[in-house]
Amino acid sequence: MDETDYAHLLQHYKTFYDLPDLVSYQYAMLTNSFVDNEITKLKFIDLLGQQYRGKNGSASCGSLVHVMFVGSDGRNTLAYAGQIQYLFTYSFTHPSNSNIHLTRMVHDHRHVFAYIKWFNTSSDRSREDDGLEFCLPTFSPNSRHCIVPVHRIFLEIATARITTSRNVSKMLVIALPKKLYA
C-alpha cells in the first residue's frame, strides 16, 4: 500500500477502534498493536447485484458513488459524492492485550474498503428538491475519511460539468436508481 494511503489506514483503525497506541508496521517489533501495510486490491465488488469498480491507477474512471454517513447528531444520514480509486481487503487483528471490544479479539477480521476521493461540496442547494445536487469539479484533500467500508456505498451517481452564466464551473450530481431483485 502506498505510504500516504497507509497513513490514512492507520488513522482509520486508531479512530474506529479507539486505539491511540496502534503503531505503524515499521515498529511492529516493539508491540503487537500495529497495522500492517499489506492489502489485497480488488478489480470490482458486487453489492446486491450492483457492480462497483475502482480506478486502480488506469485512465478509466472508477465508479462514481454516493456514500452514506450518520450525522454528528446520530439521527440524520448524509450522502457524499465521490469516485472510487480502488477497492481492497485488509485483515485486522484486534490487539489481544486490550480489554476493549473483547468479542473482536477472537479472530481476524477481513474488512473490505473502498478508497474514495471526495468531490468538494458546493453551497448551491437550488436543485435539491429535484433530487439533484451540485459539487465542485475538484477533489478534497485525501484523509482518513477516504477509507470507507463498502457497506456504506449507497448507489451510483452520474455527473455532468456545467458552467454558469458567471463562468463558474460546477458539477451536477444525479443519483442513479439501484438495481433491485425480488
N, C-alpha and C. Protein backbone atom coordinates (compact mmCIF):
# COMPACT_ATOMS: atom_id res chain seq x y z
N MET A 1 0.85 -1.18 0.00
CA MET A 1 0.00 0.00 0.00
C MET A 1 0.89 1.23 0.00
N ASP A 2 0.52 2.21 -0.77
CA ASP A 2 1.22 3.48 -0.84
C ASP A 2 1.34 4.07 0.57
N GLU A 3 2.48 4.65 0.89
CA GLU A 3 2.73 5.15 2.26
C GLU A 3 1.74 6.24 2.69
N THR A 4 1.35 7.10 1.76
CA THR A 4 0.38 8.15 2.10
C THR A 4 -0.97 7.53 2.43
N ASP A 5 -1.42 6.59 1.59
CA ASP A 5 -2.69 5.92 1.86
C ASP A 5 -2.60 5.09 3.14
N TYR A 6 -1.43 4.50 3.37
CA TYR A 6 -1.24 3.70 4.58
C TYR A 6 -1.44 4.55 5.84
N ALA A 7 -0.92 5.77 5.83
CA ALA A 7 -1.10 6.66 6.99
C ALA A 7 -2.58 6.88 7.28
N HIS A 8 -3.39 6.95 6.22
CA HIS A 8 -4.84 7.12 6.40
C HIS A 8 -5.47 5.83 6.96
N LEU A 9 -4.98 4.67 6.51
CA LEU A 9 -5.49 3.39 7.03
C LEU A 9 -5.17 3.26 8.52
N LEU A 10 -3.95 3.59 8.90
CA LEU A 10 -3.55 3.54 10.31
C LEU A 10 -4.45 4.47 11.14
N GLN A 11 -4.67 5.66 10.65
CA GLN A 11 -5.51 6.62 11.38
C GLN A 11 -6.96 6.12 11.45
N HIS A 12 -7.43 5.47 10.39
CA HIS A 12 -8.79 4.90 10.40
C HIS A 12 -8.94 3.91 11.55
N TYR A 13 -8.01 2.98 11.69
CA TYR A 13 -8.10 1.98 12.75
C TYR A 13 -7.92 2.58 14.14
N LYS A 14 -7.03 3.55 14.27
CA LYS A 14 -6.87 4.22 15.57
C LYS A 14 -8.18 4.86 16.01
N THR A 15 -8.85 5.50 15.07
CA THR A 15 -10.09 6.21 15.38
C THR A 15 -11.25 5.25 15.56
N PHE A 16 -11.44 4.33 14.62
CA PHE A 16 -12.60 3.44 14.66
C PHE A 16 -12.61 2.55 15.90
N TYR A 17 -11.46 1.99 16.24
CA TYR A 17 -11.38 1.09 17.39
C TYR A 17 -10.97 1.80 18.68
N ASP A 18 -10.79 3.11 18.61
CA ASP A 18 -10.36 3.90 19.77
C ASP A 18 -9.09 3.31 20.39
N LEU A 19 -8.09 3.13 19.52
CA LEU A 19 -6.80 2.57 19.94
C LEU A 19 -5.68 3.55 19.57
N PRO A 20 -5.49 4.59 20.36
CA PRO A 20 -4.48 5.59 20.02
C PRO A 20 -3.05 5.05 20.05
N ASP A 21 -2.84 3.88 20.68
CA ASP A 21 -1.49 3.32 20.78
C ASP A 21 -1.10 2.44 19.59
N LEU A 22 -1.99 2.26 18.62
CA LEU A 22 -1.63 1.50 17.43
C LEU A 22 -0.45 2.19 16.76
N VAL A 23 0.49 1.39 16.26
CA VAL A 23 1.66 1.97 15.61
C VAL A 23 1.78 1.45 14.18
N SER A 24 2.67 2.06 13.45
CA SER A 24 2.95 1.67 12.09
C SER A 24 3.62 0.30 12.05
N TYR A 25 3.49 -0.39 10.93
CA TYR A 25 4.13 -1.69 10.75
C TYR A 25 5.65 -1.59 10.92
N GLN A 26 6.21 -0.42 10.72
CA GLN A 26 7.65 -0.22 10.86
C GLN A 26 8.12 -0.42 12.29
N TYR A 27 7.18 -0.36 13.25
CA TYR A 27 7.52 -0.53 14.66
C TYR A 27 6.89 -1.80 15.23
N ALA A 28 6.57 -2.75 14.37
CA ALA A 28 5.89 -3.97 14.79
C ALA A 28 6.72 -4.80 15.77
N MET A 29 8.03 -4.68 15.72
CA MET A 29 8.89 -5.46 16.62
C MET A 29 8.73 -5.01 18.08
N LEU A 30 8.25 -3.79 18.28
CA LEU A 30 8.15 -3.23 19.62
C LEU A 30 6.82 -3.54 20.32
N THR A 31 5.81 -3.93 19.55
CA THR A 31 4.47 -4.11 20.12
C THR A 31 3.65 -5.04 19.23
N ASN A 32 2.57 -5.57 19.78
CA ASN A 32 1.67 -6.35 18.94
C ASN A 32 0.48 -5.50 18.49
N SER A 33 0.50 -4.22 18.82
CA SER A 33 -0.56 -3.30 18.42
C SER A 33 -0.11 -2.48 17.22
N PHE A 34 -0.18 -3.09 16.05
CA PHE A 34 0.25 -2.38 14.85
C PHE A 34 -0.70 -2.69 13.70
N VAL A 35 -0.63 -1.84 12.69
CA VAL A 35 -1.41 -2.02 11.47
C VAL A 35 -0.43 -2.31 10.35
N ASP A 36 -0.60 -3.45 9.70
CA ASP A 36 0.27 -3.86 8.60
C ASP A 36 -0.05 -3.03 7.36
N ASN A 37 0.87 -3.03 6.39
CA ASN A 37 0.64 -2.26 5.17
C ASN A 37 0.28 -3.14 3.98
N GLU A 38 -0.04 -4.40 4.21
CA GLU A 38 -0.39 -5.30 3.11
C GLU A 38 -1.89 -5.34 2.92
N ILE A 39 -2.29 -5.04 1.69
CA ILE A 39 -3.70 -5.10 1.32
C ILE A 39 -3.84 -5.96 0.08
N THR A 40 -5.04 -6.37 -0.22
CA THR A 40 -5.32 -7.08 -1.46
C THR A 40 -6.29 -6.22 -2.25
N LYS A 41 -5.84 -5.73 -3.42
CA LYS A 41 -6.71 -4.89 -4.25
C LYS A 41 -7.69 -5.77 -5.02
N LEU A 42 -8.88 -5.24 -5.19
CA LEU A 42 -9.94 -5.92 -5.92
C LEU A 42 -10.25 -5.13 -7.19
N LYS A 43 -10.55 -5.84 -8.29
CA LYS A 43 -10.91 -5.15 -9.53
C LYS A 43 -12.31 -4.55 -9.43
N PHE A 44 -13.21 -5.29 -8.80
CA PHE A 44 -14.57 -4.81 -8.63
C PHE A 44 -15.19 -5.52 -7.45
N ILE A 45 -16.35 -5.03 -7.05
CA ILE A 45 -17.11 -5.68 -6.00
C ILE A 45 -18.58 -5.63 -6.40
N ASP A 46 -19.30 -6.68 -6.03
CA ASP A 46 -20.72 -6.76 -6.33
C ASP A 46 -21.49 -6.61 -5.02
N LEU A 47 -22.30 -5.57 -4.93
CA LEU A 47 -23.13 -5.35 -3.75
C LEU A 47 -24.59 -5.39 -4.18
N LEU A 48 -25.29 -6.43 -3.78
CA LEU A 48 -26.71 -6.59 -4.10
C LEU A 48 -26.99 -6.44 -5.60
N GLY A 49 -26.13 -7.05 -6.42
CA GLY A 49 -26.33 -7.04 -7.86
C GLY A 49 -25.78 -5.83 -8.58
N GLN A 50 -25.26 -4.87 -7.85
CA GLN A 50 -24.69 -3.67 -8.45
C GLN A 50 -23.17 -3.78 -8.38
N GLN A 51 -22.50 -3.63 -9.53
CA GLN A 51 -21.04 -3.72 -9.55
C GLN A 51 -20.40 -2.35 -9.40
N TYR A 52 -19.38 -2.29 -8.57
CA TYR A 52 -18.61 -1.07 -8.37
C TYR A 52 -17.15 -1.38 -8.69
N ARG A 53 -16.50 -0.46 -9.38
CA ARG A 53 -15.11 -0.65 -9.80
C ARG A 53 -14.24 0.50 -9.29
N GLY A 54 -12.98 0.16 -9.08
CA GLY A 54 -12.01 1.18 -8.73
C GLY A 54 -11.33 1.70 -9.97
N LYS A 55 -10.74 2.86 -9.87
CA LYS A 55 -9.96 3.43 -10.97
C LYS A 55 -8.68 2.62 -11.13
N ASN A 56 -8.11 2.18 -10.01
CA ASN A 56 -6.92 1.32 -9.99
C ASN A 56 -5.76 1.85 -10.81
N GLY A 57 -5.56 3.15 -10.80
CA GLY A 57 -4.40 3.74 -11.46
C GLY A 57 -4.50 3.79 -12.97
N SER A 58 -5.61 3.34 -13.55
CA SER A 58 -5.74 3.34 -15.00
C SER A 58 -6.38 4.65 -15.46
N ALA A 59 -6.45 4.82 -16.77
CA ALA A 59 -7.06 6.02 -17.33
C ALA A 59 -8.58 5.98 -17.21
N SER A 60 -9.12 4.79 -16.98
CA SER A 60 -10.58 4.68 -16.86
C SER A 60 -11.05 5.30 -15.54
N CYS A 61 -12.31 5.59 -15.50
CA CYS A 61 -12.90 6.23 -14.32
C CYS A 61 -13.40 5.17 -13.35
N GLY A 62 -13.10 5.32 -12.08
CA GLY A 62 -13.68 4.44 -11.07
C GLY A 62 -15.15 4.79 -10.91
N SER A 63 -15.90 3.91 -10.29
CA SER A 63 -17.33 4.16 -10.09
C SER A 63 -17.53 5.46 -9.32
N LEU A 64 -18.51 6.22 -9.75
CA LEU A 64 -18.92 7.43 -9.06
C LEU A 64 -20.05 7.04 -8.13
N VAL A 65 -19.95 7.41 -6.86
CA VAL A 65 -20.89 6.88 -5.87
C VAL A 65 -21.34 7.94 -4.87
N HIS A 66 -22.49 7.66 -4.28
CA HIS A 66 -22.94 8.34 -3.06
C HIS A 66 -22.63 7.40 -1.92
N VAL A 67 -22.06 7.92 -0.86
CA VAL A 67 -21.73 7.14 0.33
C VAL A 67 -22.48 7.75 1.51
N MET A 68 -23.10 6.89 2.30
CA MET A 68 -23.92 7.35 3.42
C MET A 68 -23.11 7.38 4.72
N PHE A 69 -23.31 8.45 5.47
CA PHE A 69 -22.71 8.61 6.79
C PHE A 69 -23.80 9.07 7.75
N VAL A 70 -23.67 8.67 8.99
CA VAL A 70 -24.58 9.14 10.02
C VAL A 70 -24.06 10.48 10.51
N GLY A 71 -24.95 11.45 10.62
CA GLY A 71 -24.57 12.79 11.06
C GLY A 71 -24.10 12.80 12.50
N SER A 72 -23.52 13.89 12.91
CA SER A 72 -22.99 14.00 14.27
C SER A 72 -24.08 13.92 15.33
N ASP A 73 -25.33 14.18 14.93
CA ASP A 73 -26.44 14.07 15.89
C ASP A 73 -26.90 12.63 16.08
N GLY A 74 -26.37 11.72 15.26
CA GLY A 74 -26.71 10.30 15.38
C GLY A 74 -28.02 9.91 14.74
N ARG A 75 -28.75 10.87 14.19
CA ARG A 75 -30.05 10.58 13.59
C ARG A 75 -30.08 10.79 12.09
N ASN A 76 -29.55 11.88 11.62
CA ASN A 76 -29.60 12.20 10.20
C ASN A 76 -28.53 11.45 9.44
N THR A 77 -28.87 11.03 8.23
CA THR A 77 -27.87 10.43 7.36
C THR A 77 -27.52 11.43 6.27
N LEU A 78 -26.27 11.46 5.92
CA LEU A 78 -25.75 12.39 4.93
C LEU A 78 -25.10 11.60 3.81
N ALA A 79 -25.35 12.01 2.57
CA ALA A 79 -24.73 11.36 1.41
C ALA A 79 -23.66 12.27 0.85
N TYR A 80 -22.50 11.70 0.57
CA TYR A 80 -21.41 12.44 -0.04
C TYR A 80 -21.05 11.78 -1.36
N ALA A 81 -20.68 12.61 -2.34
CA ALA A 81 -20.35 12.12 -3.68
C ALA A 81 -18.84 11.98 -3.82
N GLY A 82 -18.42 10.89 -4.47
CA GLY A 82 -17.00 10.67 -4.70
C GLY A 82 -16.74 9.66 -5.79
N GLN A 83 -15.47 9.45 -6.07
CA GLN A 83 -15.04 8.48 -7.08
C GLN A 83 -14.18 7.42 -6.41
N ILE A 84 -14.52 6.15 -6.64
CA ILE A 84 -13.73 5.05 -6.08
C ILE A 84 -12.39 5.00 -6.81
N GLN A 85 -11.31 5.10 -6.04
CA GLN A 85 -9.97 4.98 -6.60
C GLN A 85 -9.56 3.52 -6.67
N TYR A 86 -9.81 2.79 -5.60
CA TYR A 86 -9.58 1.35 -5.60
C TYR A 86 -10.34 0.71 -4.46
N LEU A 87 -10.57 -0.58 -4.60
CA LEU A 87 -11.23 -1.41 -3.60
C LEU A 87 -10.18 -2.35 -3.04
N PHE A 88 -10.27 -2.66 -1.74
CA PHE A 88 -9.27 -3.55 -1.18
C PHE A 88 -9.79 -4.26 0.05
N THR A 89 -9.14 -5.38 0.35
CA THR A 89 -9.43 -6.10 1.59
C THR A 89 -8.22 -5.96 2.50
N TYR A 90 -8.50 -6.02 3.78
CA TYR A 90 -7.45 -5.91 4.78
C TYR A 90 -7.85 -6.75 5.98
N SER A 91 -6.90 -7.52 6.50
CA SER A 91 -7.16 -8.32 7.70
C SER A 91 -6.59 -7.59 8.90
N PHE A 92 -7.45 -7.38 9.89
CA PHE A 92 -7.04 -6.67 11.09
C PHE A 92 -7.32 -7.55 12.30
N THR A 93 -6.31 -7.76 13.10
CA THR A 93 -6.47 -8.49 14.35
C THR A 93 -6.43 -7.48 15.48
N HIS A 94 -7.49 -7.44 16.23
CA HIS A 94 -7.55 -6.52 17.36
C HIS A 94 -6.48 -6.93 18.37
N PRO A 95 -5.71 -6.01 18.92
CA PRO A 95 -4.66 -6.35 19.88
C PRO A 95 -5.22 -7.14 21.07
N SER A 96 -4.60 -8.26 21.39
CA SER A 96 -5.13 -9.15 22.43
C SER A 96 -4.91 -8.63 23.84
N ASN A 97 -4.03 -7.64 24.01
CA ASN A 97 -3.79 -7.14 25.36
C ASN A 97 -4.78 -6.05 25.76
N SER A 98 -5.73 -5.77 24.91
CA SER A 98 -6.73 -4.75 25.21
C SER A 98 -8.02 -5.42 25.67
N ASN A 99 -8.68 -4.85 26.65
CA ASN A 99 -9.95 -5.41 27.10
C ASN A 99 -11.14 -4.72 26.44
N ILE A 100 -10.86 -3.81 25.50
CA ILE A 100 -11.92 -3.15 24.75
C ILE A 100 -12.33 -4.06 23.60
N HIS A 101 -13.59 -4.12 23.31
CA HIS A 101 -14.12 -4.90 22.19
C HIS A 101 -13.70 -6.36 22.29
N LEU A 102 -13.92 -7.01 23.41
CA LEU A 102 -13.48 -8.39 23.63
C LEU A 102 -13.98 -9.34 22.56
N THR A 103 -15.16 -9.12 22.05
CA THR A 103 -15.69 -10.03 21.04
C THR A 103 -14.90 -9.96 19.75
N ARG A 104 -14.21 -8.87 19.51
CA ARG A 104 -13.44 -8.72 18.28
C ARG A 104 -12.07 -9.38 18.37
N MET A 105 -11.67 -9.85 19.56
CA MET A 105 -10.33 -10.42 19.73
C MET A 105 -10.27 -11.89 19.34
N VAL A 106 -11.38 -12.52 19.13
CA VAL A 106 -11.41 -13.95 18.93
C VAL A 106 -10.75 -14.36 17.62
N HIS A 107 -10.91 -13.60 16.58
CA HIS A 107 -10.36 -14.00 15.29
C HIS A 107 -10.04 -12.77 14.44
N ASP A 108 -9.31 -13.02 13.35
CA ASP A 108 -9.02 -11.95 12.40
C ASP A 108 -10.31 -11.50 11.75
N HIS A 109 -10.36 -10.25 11.42
CA HIS A 109 -11.48 -9.72 10.67
C HIS A 109 -10.97 -9.29 9.31
N ARG A 110 -11.62 -9.76 8.28
CA ARG A 110 -11.30 -9.30 6.93
C ARG A 110 -12.26 -8.17 6.61
N HIS A 111 -11.72 -7.00 6.43
CA HIS A 111 -12.51 -5.82 6.12
C HIS A 111 -12.39 -5.51 4.64
N VAL A 112 -13.47 -5.06 4.05
CA VAL A 112 -13.47 -4.67 2.64
C VAL A 112 -13.74 -3.16 2.58
N PHE A 113 -12.82 -2.45 1.96
CA PHE A 113 -12.89 -0.99 1.90
C PHE A 113 -12.88 -0.49 0.47
N ALA A 114 -13.37 0.73 0.31
CA ALA A 114 -13.20 1.50 -0.91
C ALA A 114 -12.36 2.72 -0.54
N TYR A 115 -11.36 3.02 -1.36
CA TYR A 115 -10.61 4.26 -1.17
C TYR A 115 -11.23 5.28 -2.12
N ILE A 116 -11.86 6.30 -1.55
CA ILE A 116 -12.68 7.22 -2.33
C ILE A 116 -12.11 8.63 -2.26
N LYS A 117 -12.03 9.26 -3.44
CA LYS A 117 -11.71 10.69 -3.48
C LYS A 117 -13.05 11.42 -3.49
N TRP A 118 -13.19 12.36 -2.57
CA TRP A 118 -14.45 13.08 -2.40
C TRP A 118 -14.48 14.34 -3.23
N PHE A 119 -15.62 14.57 -3.89
CA PHE A 119 -15.80 15.84 -4.60
C PHE A 119 -16.03 16.93 -3.56
N ASN A 120 -15.45 18.08 -3.80
CA ASN A 120 -15.68 19.22 -2.91
C ASN A 120 -17.15 19.62 -2.97
N THR A 121 -17.72 19.89 -1.82
CA THR A 121 -19.13 20.24 -1.77
C THR A 121 -19.34 21.69 -2.18
N SER A 122 -20.55 21.96 -2.63
CA SER A 122 -20.94 23.31 -3.04
C SER A 122 -22.06 23.78 -2.12
N SER A 123 -22.14 25.07 -1.93
CA SER A 123 -23.23 25.62 -1.11
C SER A 123 -24.52 25.77 -1.91
N ASP A 124 -24.47 25.53 -3.21
CA ASP A 124 -25.64 25.67 -4.07
C ASP A 124 -26.62 24.52 -3.82
N ARG A 125 -27.76 24.84 -3.26
CA ARG A 125 -28.81 23.84 -2.98
C ARG A 125 -30.05 24.09 -3.83
N SER A 126 -29.91 24.82 -4.93
CA SER A 126 -31.05 25.26 -5.73
C SER A 126 -31.83 24.11 -6.38
N ARG A 127 -31.22 22.96 -6.59
CA ARG A 127 -31.92 21.85 -7.26
C ARG A 127 -32.16 20.67 -6.31
N GLU A 128 -32.01 20.89 -5.03
CA GLU A 128 -32.15 19.82 -4.05
C GLU A 128 -33.54 19.18 -4.09
N ASP A 129 -34.58 19.97 -4.28
CA ASP A 129 -35.95 19.44 -4.34
C ASP A 129 -36.16 18.55 -5.56
N ASP A 130 -35.32 18.70 -6.58
CA ASP A 130 -35.41 17.87 -7.79
C ASP A 130 -34.57 16.60 -7.67
N GLY A 131 -33.95 16.38 -6.51
CA GLY A 131 -33.11 15.20 -6.32
C GLY A 131 -31.73 15.35 -6.94
N LEU A 132 -31.33 16.57 -7.19
CA LEU A 132 -30.03 16.85 -7.79
C LEU A 132 -29.19 17.63 -6.79
N GLU A 133 -27.90 17.54 -6.94
CA GLU A 133 -27.02 18.35 -6.10
C GLU A 133 -25.87 18.87 -6.94
N PHE A 134 -25.23 19.89 -6.45
CA PHE A 134 -24.06 20.44 -7.10
C PHE A 134 -22.84 20.20 -6.24
N CYS A 135 -21.75 19.88 -6.90
CA CYS A 135 -20.43 19.79 -6.26
C CYS A 135 -19.48 20.63 -7.08
N LEU A 136 -18.31 20.84 -6.56
CA LEU A 136 -17.26 21.48 -7.33
C LEU A 136 -16.53 20.39 -8.10
N PRO A 137 -16.02 20.69 -9.29
CA PRO A 137 -15.37 19.64 -10.10
C PRO A 137 -13.94 19.33 -9.66
N THR A 138 -13.68 19.46 -8.37
CA THR A 138 -12.36 19.16 -7.82
C THR A 138 -12.53 18.22 -6.63
N PHE A 139 -11.45 17.54 -6.29
CA PHE A 139 -11.47 16.63 -5.16
C PHE A 139 -10.96 17.32 -3.90
N SER A 140 -11.49 16.92 -2.76
CA SER A 140 -10.98 17.43 -1.49
C SER A 140 -9.68 16.70 -1.17
N PRO A 141 -8.86 17.24 -0.27
CA PRO A 141 -7.59 16.57 0.08
C PRO A 141 -7.86 15.19 0.68
N ASN A 142 -6.95 14.27 0.42
CA ASN A 142 -7.07 12.92 0.98
C ASN A 142 -6.91 12.96 2.49
N SER A 143 -7.65 12.08 3.16
CA SER A 143 -7.59 11.98 4.62
C SER A 143 -8.05 10.58 5.01
N ARG A 144 -8.15 10.31 6.31
CA ARG A 144 -8.63 9.01 6.76
C ARG A 144 -10.07 8.78 6.32
N HIS A 145 -10.79 9.84 6.02
CA HIS A 145 -12.18 9.72 5.58
C HIS A 145 -12.30 9.14 4.18
N CYS A 146 -11.19 9.03 3.47
CA CYS A 146 -11.19 8.42 2.13
C CYS A 146 -11.35 6.90 2.22
N ILE A 147 -11.04 6.32 3.35
CA ILE A 147 -11.15 4.87 3.54
C ILE A 147 -12.52 4.57 4.12
N VAL A 148 -13.34 3.89 3.32
CA VAL A 148 -14.74 3.69 3.67
C VAL A 148 -15.10 2.22 3.57
N PRO A 149 -15.71 1.64 4.60
CA PRO A 149 -16.22 0.27 4.47
C PRO A 149 -17.25 0.23 3.34
N VAL A 150 -17.20 -0.80 2.50
CA VAL A 150 -18.06 -0.82 1.32
C VAL A 150 -19.55 -0.87 1.66
N HIS A 151 -19.91 -1.28 2.86
CA HIS A 151 -21.34 -1.31 3.19
C HIS A 151 -21.94 0.10 3.26
N ARG A 152 -21.11 1.12 3.26
CA ARG A 152 -21.62 2.49 3.28
C ARG A 152 -21.96 3.01 1.87
N ILE A 153 -21.51 2.28 0.83
CA ILE A 153 -21.83 2.71 -0.53
C ILE A 153 -23.33 2.58 -0.73
N PHE A 154 -23.96 3.68 -1.10
CA PHE A 154 -25.42 3.70 -1.23
C PHE A 154 -25.86 3.42 -2.65
N LEU A 155 -25.34 4.18 -3.61
CA LEU A 155 -25.70 3.96 -5.01
C LEU A 155 -24.73 4.69 -5.92
N GLU A 156 -24.85 4.36 -7.21
CA GLU A 156 -24.02 5.04 -8.20
C GLU A 156 -24.62 6.39 -8.53
N ILE A 157 -23.77 7.27 -9.02
CA ILE A 157 -24.22 8.59 -9.44
C ILE A 157 -23.68 8.85 -10.84
N ALA A 158 -24.29 9.80 -11.51
CA ALA A 158 -23.77 10.32 -12.78
C ALA A 158 -23.42 11.78 -12.53
N THR A 159 -22.46 12.28 -13.26
CA THR A 159 -22.06 13.68 -13.09
C THR A 159 -22.02 14.36 -14.45
N ALA A 160 -22.22 15.65 -14.44
CA ALA A 160 -22.10 16.47 -15.65
C ALA A 160 -21.50 17.81 -15.24
N ARG A 161 -20.48 18.21 -15.96
CA ARG A 161 -19.86 19.52 -15.67
C ARG A 161 -20.66 20.60 -16.39
N ILE A 162 -20.91 21.66 -15.66
CA ILE A 162 -21.63 22.80 -16.24
C ILE A 162 -20.88 24.07 -15.89
N THR A 163 -21.10 25.09 -16.70
CA THR A 163 -20.52 26.40 -16.44
C THR A 163 -21.67 27.39 -16.35
N THR A 164 -21.72 28.14 -15.28
CA THR A 164 -22.81 29.09 -15.07
C THR A 164 -22.61 30.32 -15.95
N SER A 165 -23.62 31.18 -15.98
CA SER A 165 -23.54 32.41 -16.77
C SER A 165 -22.43 33.34 -16.26
N ARG A 166 -22.02 33.12 -15.01
CA ARG A 166 -20.92 33.91 -14.44
C ARG A 166 -19.57 33.21 -14.62
N ASN A 167 -19.55 32.20 -15.47
CA ASN A 167 -18.33 31.45 -15.80
C ASN A 167 -17.75 30.69 -14.61
N VAL A 168 -18.65 30.20 -13.73
CA VAL A 168 -18.25 29.38 -12.59
C VAL A 168 -18.49 27.92 -12.96
N SER A 169 -17.47 27.11 -12.79
CA SER A 169 -17.58 25.69 -13.13
C SER A 169 -18.15 24.91 -11.94
N LYS A 170 -19.19 24.12 -12.21
CA LYS A 170 -19.81 23.28 -11.18
C LYS A 170 -20.01 21.89 -11.76
N MET A 171 -20.34 20.97 -10.89
CA MET A 171 -20.62 19.62 -11.34
C MET A 171 -21.99 19.22 -10.80
N LEU A 172 -22.87 18.84 -11.72
CA LEU A 172 -24.19 18.37 -11.36
C LEU A 172 -24.09 16.89 -10.99
N VAL A 173 -24.65 16.50 -9.86
CA VAL A 173 -24.61 15.11 -9.40
C VAL A 173 -26.03 14.56 -9.43
N ILE A 174 -26.20 13.45 -10.15
CA ILE A 174 -27.51 12.84 -10.32
C ILE A 174 -27.45 11.42 -9.76
N ALA A 175 -28.30 11.12 -8.80
CA ALA A 175 -28.36 9.77 -8.23
C ALA A 175 -29.01 8.82 -9.23
N LEU A 176 -28.39 7.67 -9.43
CA LEU A 176 -28.94 6.66 -10.34
C LEU A 176 -29.68 5.61 -9.53
N PRO A 177 -30.80 5.15 -10.04
CA PRO A 177 -31.56 4.14 -9.28
C PRO A 177 -30.76 2.86 -9.12
N LYS A 178 -30.99 2.20 -8.00
CA LYS A 178 -30.34 0.91 -7.74
C LYS A 178 -31.07 -0.19 -8.48
N LYS A 179 -30.32 -1.22 -8.83
CA LYS A 179 -30.95 -2.44 -9.33
C LYS A 179 -31.50 -3.18 -8.13
N LEU A 180 -32.75 -3.55 -8.18
CA LEU A 180 -33.35 -4.32 -7.09
C LEU A 180 -33.87 -5.62 -7.65
N TYR A 181 -33.58 -6.70 -6.95
CA TYR A 181 -34.03 -8.02 -7.36
C TYR A 181 -34.98 -8.57 -6.32
N ALA A 182 -36.09 -9.12 -6.79
CA ALA A 182 -37.08 -9.69 -5.85
C ALA A 182 -36.68 -11.09 -5.45
